[in-house]
Amino acid sequence: ESGGGLVQAGGSLRLSCAASRGTY
């Protein structure tokens, strides 16, 4: 997972979940 962090209320974030192995 990536893309987390600190944001103020009302803000936006986009999280990503990437497969680094076992992509098939």
PDB file of all heavy atoms in Angstrom:
ATOM      1  N   GLU A   1       0.831  -1.194   0.000  1.00  0.00           N
ATOM      2  CA  GLU A   1       0.000   0.000   0.000  1.00  0.00           C
ATOM      3  C   GLU A   1       0.870   1.251   0.000  1.00  0.00           C
ATOM      4  O   GLU A   1       1.981   1.246   0.547  1.00  0.00           O
ATOM      5  CB  GLU A   1      -0.911   0.057   1.229  1.00  0.00           C
ATOM      6  CG  GLU A   1      -1.901  -1.092   1.358  1.00  0.00           C
ATOM      7  CD  GLU A   1      -1.421  -2.164   2.306  1.00  0.00           C
ATOM      8  OE1 GLU A   1      -0.196  -2.266   2.520  1.00  0.00           O
ATOM      9  OE2 GLU A   1      -2.266  -2.910   2.830  1.00  0.00           O
ATOM     10  N   SER A   2       0.347   2.310  -0.591  1.00  0.00           N
ATOM     11  CA  SER A   2       1.029   3.601  -0.575  1.00  0.00           C
ATOM     12  C   SER A   2      -0.009   4.711  -0.694  1.00  0.00           C
ATOM     13  O   SER A   2      -1.176   4.437  -1.008  1.00  0.00           O
ATOM     14  CB  SER A   2       2.052   3.705  -1.715  1.00  0.00           C
ATOM     15  OG  SER A   2       1.408   3.594  -2.971  1.00  0.00           O
ATOM     16  N   GLY A   3       0.432   5.937  -0.443  1.00  0.00           N
ATOM     17  CA  GLY A   3      -0.441   7.091  -0.625  1.00  0.00           C
ATOM     18  C   GLY A   3      -1.070   7.636   0.641  1.00  0.00           C
ATOM     19  O   GLY A   3      -1.820   8.611   0.588  1.00  0.00           O
ATOM     20  N   GLY A   4      -0.785   7.016   1.772  1.00  0.00           N
ATOM     21  CA  GLY A   4      -1.360   7.515   3.009  1.00  0.00           C
ATOM     22  C   GLY A   4      -0.662   8.770   3.480  1.00  0.00           C
ATOM     23  O   GLY A   4       0.259   9.284   2.832  1.00  0.00           O
ATOM     24  N   GLY A   5      -1.122   9.272   4.628  1.00  0.00           N
ATOM     25  CA  GLY A   5      -0.502  10.454   5.187  1.00  0.00           C
ATOM     26  C   GLY A   5      -1.457  11.239   6.043  1.00  0.00           C
ATOM     27  O   GLY A   5      -2.489  10.730   6.480  1.00  0.00           O
ATOM     28  N   LEU A   6      -1.080  12.492   6.276  1.00  0.00           N
ATOM     29  CA  LEU A   6      -1.865  13.411   7.109  1.00  0.00           C
ATOM     30  C   LEU A   6      -2.582  14.400   6.204  1.00  0.00           C
ATOM     31  O   LEU A   6      -1.966  15.013   5.319  1.00  0.00           O
ATOM     32  CB  LEU A   6      -0.933  14.140   8.074  1.00  0.00           C
ATOM     33  CG  LEU A   6      -1.553  15.256   8.927  1.00  0.00           C
ATOM     34  CD1 LEU A   6      -2.597  14.686   9.873  1.00  0.00           C
ATOM     35  CD2 LEU A   6      -0.455  15.992   9.687  1.00  0.00           C
ATOM     36  N   VAL A   7      -3.876  14.565   6.449  1.00  0.00           N
ATOM     37  CA  VAL A   7      -4.675  15.493   5.649  1.00  0.00           C
ATOM     38  C   VAL A   7      -5.693  16.163   6.555  1.00  0.00           C
ATOM     39  O   VAL A   7      -6.105  15.584   7.571  1.00  0.00           O
ATOM     40  CB  VAL A   7      -5.363  14.743   4.478  1.00  0.00           C
ATOM     41  CG1 VAL A   7      -6.372  13.730   5.002  1.00  0.00           C
ATOM     42  CG2 VAL A   7      -6.008  15.697   3.495  1.00  0.00           C
ATOM     43  N   GLN A   8      -6.079  17.357   6.208  1.00  0.00           N
ATOM     44  CA  GLN A   8      -7.099  18.055   6.982  1.00  0.00           C
ATOM     45  C   GLN A   8      -8.491  17.548   6.619  1.00  0.00           C
ATOM     46  O   GLN A   8      -8.716  17.055   5.501  1.00  0.00           O
ATOM     47  CB  GLN A   8      -7.017  19.555   6.724  1.00  0.00           C
ATOM     48  CG  GLN A   8      -5.807  20.222   7.351  1.00  0.00           C
ATOM     49  CD  GLN A   8      -5.874  21.737   7.253  1.00  0.00           C
ATOM     50  OE1 GLN A   8      -6.469  22.284   6.327  1.00  0.00           O
ATOM     51  NE2 GLN A   8      -5.256  22.409   8.205  1.00  0.00           N
ATOM     52  N   ALA A   9      -9.409  17.698   7.541  1.00  0.00           N
ATOM     53  CA  ALA A   9     -10.797  17.318   7.277  1.00  0.00           C
ATOM     54  C   ALA A   9     -11.294  18.044   6.026  1.00  0.00           C
ATOM     55  O   ALA A   9     -11.008  19.226   5.823  1.00  0.00           O
ATOM     56  CB  ALA A   9     -11.666  17.657   8.469  1.00  0.00           C
ATOM     57  N   GLY A  10     -12.005  17.307   5.202  1.00  0.00           N
ATOM     58  CA  GLY A  10     -12.481  17.839   3.930  1.00  0.00           C
ATOM     59  C   GLY A  10     -11.536  17.598   2.772  1.00  0.00           C
ATOM     60  O   GLY A  10     -11.899  17.822   1.613  1.00  0.00           O
ATOM     61  N   GLY A  11     -10.331  17.156   3.086  1.00  0.00           N
ATOM     62  CA  GLY A  11      -9.337  16.911   2.055  1.00  0.00           C
ATOM     63  C   GLY A  11      -9.490  15.563   1.406  1.00  0.00           C
ATOM     64  O   GLY A  11     -10.436  14.811   1.679  1.00  0.00           O
ATOM     65  N   SER A  12      -8.541  15.249   0.518  1.00  0.00           N
ATOM     66  CA  SER A  12      -8.581  14.010  -0.263  1.00  0.00           C
ATOM     67  C   SER A  12      -7.239  13.301  -0.224  1.00  0.00           C
ATOM     68  O   SER A  12      -6.183  13.930  -0.050  1.00  0.00           O
ATOM     69  CB  SER A  12      -8.931  14.329  -1.722  1.00  0.00           C
ATOM     70  OG  SER A  12     -10.180  14.954  -1.831  1.00  0.00           O
ATOM     71  N   LEU A  13      -7.307  12.007  -0.399  1.00  0.00           N
ATOM     72  CA  LEU A  13      -6.117  11.171  -0.551  1.00  0.00           C
ATOM     73  C   LEU A  13      -6.450  10.055  -1.529  1.00  0.00           C
ATOM     74  O   LEU A  13      -7.609   9.627  -1.613  1.00  0.00           O
ATOM     75  CB  LEU A  13      -5.687  10.537   0.779  1.00  0.00           C
ATOM     76  CG  LEU A  13      -4.925  11.375   1.801  1.00  0.00           C
ATOM     77  CD1 LEU A  13      -4.740  10.565   3.079  1.00  0.00           C
ATOM     78  CD2 LEU A  13      -3.591  11.835   1.254  1.00  0.00           C
ATOM     79  N   ARG A  14      -5.439   9.574  -2.233  1.00  0.00           N
ATOM     80  CA  ARG A  14      -5.611   8.392  -3.053  1.00  0.00           C
ATOM     81  C   ARG A  14      -4.638   7.317  -2.595  1.00  0.00           C
ATOM     82  O   ARG A  14      -3.414   7.513  -2.663  1.00  0.00           O
ATOM     83  CB  ARG A  14      -5.390   8.678  -4.537  1.00  0.00           C
ATOM     84  CG  ARG A  14      -5.776   7.482  -5.409  1.00  0.00           C
ATOM     85  CD  ARG A  14      -5.625   7.741  -6.890  1.00  0.00           C
ATOM     86  NE  ARG A  14      -4.243   7.658  -7.339  1.00  0.00           N
ATOM     87  CZ  ARG A  14      -3.883   7.455  -8.607  1.00  0.00           C
ATOM     88  NH1 ARG A  14      -4.809   7.315  -9.534  1.00  0.00           N
ATOM     89  NH2 ARG A  14      -2.610   7.416  -8.925  1.00  0.00           N
ATOM     90  N   LEU A  15      -5.185   6.219  -2.135  1.00  0.00           N
ATOM     91  CA  LEU A  15      -4.365   5.083  -1.736  1.00  0.00           C
ATOM     92  C   LEU A  15      -4.177   4.154  -2.930  1.00  0.00           C
ATOM     93  O   LEU A  15      -5.070   4.005  -3.762  1.00  0.00           O
ATOM     94  CB  LEU A  15      -5.028   4.318  -0.594  1.00  0.00           C
ATOM     95  CG  LEU A  15      -5.355   5.109   0.672  1.00  0.00           C
ATOM     96  CD1 LEU A  15      -5.941   4.169   1.721  1.00  0.00           C
ATOM     97  CD2 LEU A  15      -4.146   5.840   1.202  1.00  0.00           C
ATOM     98  N   SER A  16      -3.019   3.527  -2.970  1.00  0.00           N
ATOM     99  CA  SER A  16      -2.729   2.534  -3.999  1.00  0.00           C
ATOM    100  C   SER A  16      -2.382   1.206  -3.340  1.00  0.00           C
ATOM    101  O   SER A  16      -1.759   1.177  -2.277  1.00  0.00           O
ATOM    102  CB  SER A  16      -1.553   2.983  -4.873  1.00  0.00           C
ATOM    103  OG  SER A  16      -1.856   4.168  -5.563  1.00  0.00           O
ATOM    104  N   CYS A  17      -2.779   0.140  -3.983  1.00  0.00           N
ATOM    105  CA  CYS A  17      -2.443  -1.210  -3.548  1.00  0.00           C
ATOM    106  C   CYS A  17      -1.838  -1.901  -4.762  1.00  0.00           C
ATOM    107  O   CYS A  17      -2.554  -2.226  -5.721  1.00  0.00           O
ATOM    108  CB  CYS A  17      -3.699  -1.936  -3.081  1.00  0.00           C
ATOM    109  SG  CYS A  17      -3.483  -3.687  -2.735  1.00  0.00           S
ATOM    110  N   ALA A  18      -0.541  -2.100  -4.725  1.00  0.00           N
ATOM    111  CA  ALA A  18       0.164  -2.666  -5.873  1.00  0.00           C
ATOM    112  C   ALA A  18       0.639  -4.083  -5.567  1.00  0.00           C
ATOM    113  O   ALA A  18       1.127  -4.352  -4.473  1.00  0.00           O
ATOM    114  CB  ALA A  18       1.344  -1.785  -6.248  1.00  0.00           C
ATOM    115  N   ALA A  19       0.498  -4.945  -6.552  1.00  0.00           N
ATOM    116  CA  ALA A  19       1.017  -6.307  -6.428  1.00  0.00           C
ATOM    117  C   ALA A  19       2.447  -6.323  -6.935  1.00  0.00           C
ATOM    118  O   ALA A  19       2.708  -6.040  -8.110  1.00  0.00           O
ATOM    119  CB  ALA A  19       0.159  -7.276  -7.225  1.00  0.00           C
ATOM    120  N   SER A  20       3.371  -6.632  -6.043  1.00  0.00           N
ATOM    121  CA  SER A  20       4.773  -6.675  -6.441  1.00  0.00           C
ATOM    122  C   SER A  20       5.212  -8.085  -6.822  1.00  0.00           C
ATOM    123  O   SER A  20       6.236  -8.266  -7.484  1.00  0.00           O
ATOM    124  CB  SER A  20       5.668  -6.143  -5.311  1.00  0.00           C
ATOM    125  OG  SER A  20       5.496  -6.935  -4.149  1.00  0.00           O
ATOM    126  N   ARG A  21       4.448  -9.076  -6.410  1.00  0.00           N
ATOM    127  CA  ARG A  21       4.667 -10.469  -6.794  1.00  0.00           C
ATOM    128  C   ARG A  21       3.307 -11.127  -6.994  1.00  0.00           C
ATOM    129  O   ARG A  21       2.329 -10.705  -6.406  1.00  0.00           O
ATOM    130  CB  ARG A  21       5.439 -11.234  -5.708  1.00  0.00           C
ATOM    131  CG  ARG A  21       6.901 -10.921  -5.633  1.00  0.00           C
ATOM    132  CD  ARG A  21       7.651 -11.949  -4.817  1.00  0.00           C
ATOM    133  NE  ARG A  21       6.913 -12.450  -3.674  1.00  0.00           N
ATOM    134  CZ  ARG A  21       7.437 -13.240  -2.750  1.00  0.00           C
ATOM    135  NH1 ARG A  21       8.693 -13.590  -2.840  1.00  0.00           N
ATOM    136  NH2 ARG A  21       6.723 -13.672  -1.747  1.00  0.00           N
ATOM    137  N   GLY A  22       3.283 -12.169  -7.807  1.00  0.00           N
ATOM    138  CA  GLY A  22       2.023 -12.850  -8.031  1.00  0.00           C
ATOM    139  C   GLY A  22       1.056 -12.029  -8.853  1.00  0.00           C
ATOM    140  O   GLY A  22      -0.149 -12.054  -8.603  1.00  0.00           O
ATOM    141  N   THR A  23       1.558 -11.294  -9.829  1.00  0.00           N
ATOM    142  CA  THR A  23       0.697 -10.374 -10.576  1.00  0.00           C
ATOM    143  C   THR A  23      -0.342 -11.118 -11.415  1.00  0.00           C
ATOM    144  O   THR A  23      -1.439 -10.601 -11.626  1.00  0.00           O
ATOM    145  CB  THR A  23       1.546  -9.459 -11.469  1.00  0.00           C
ATOM    146  OG1 THR A  23       2.357 -10.264 -12.325  1.00  0.00           O
ATOM    147  CG2 THR A  23       2.441  -8.559 -10.622  1.00  0.00           C
ATOM    148  N   TYR A  24       0.000 -12.307 -11.880  1.00  0.00           N
ATOM    149  CA  TYR A  24      -0.979 -13.090 -12.656  1.00  0.00           C
ATOM    150  C   TYR A  24      -2.166 -13.446 -11.770  1.00  0.00           C
ATOM    151  O   TYR A  24      -3.327 -13.279 -12.157  1.00  0.00           O
ATOM    152  CB  TYR A  24      -0.336 -14.360 -13.205  1.00  0.00           C
ATOM    153  CG  TYR A  24      -1.297 -15.258 -13.949  1.00  0.00           C
ATOM    154  CD1 TYR A  24      -1.633 -14.993 -15.279  1.00  0.00           C
ATOM    155  CD2 TYR A  24      -1.891 -16.360 -13.334  1.00  0.00           C
ATOM    156  CE1 TYR A  24      -2.513 -15.806 -15.965  1.00  0.00           C
ATOM    157  CE2 TYR A  24      -2.770 -17.172 -14.008  1.00  0.00           C
ATOM    158  CZ  TYR A  24      -3.071 -16.896 -15.325  1.00  0.00           C
ATOM    159  OH  TYR A  24      -3.967 -17.704 -15.997  1.00  0.00           O
TER     160      TYR A  24
END
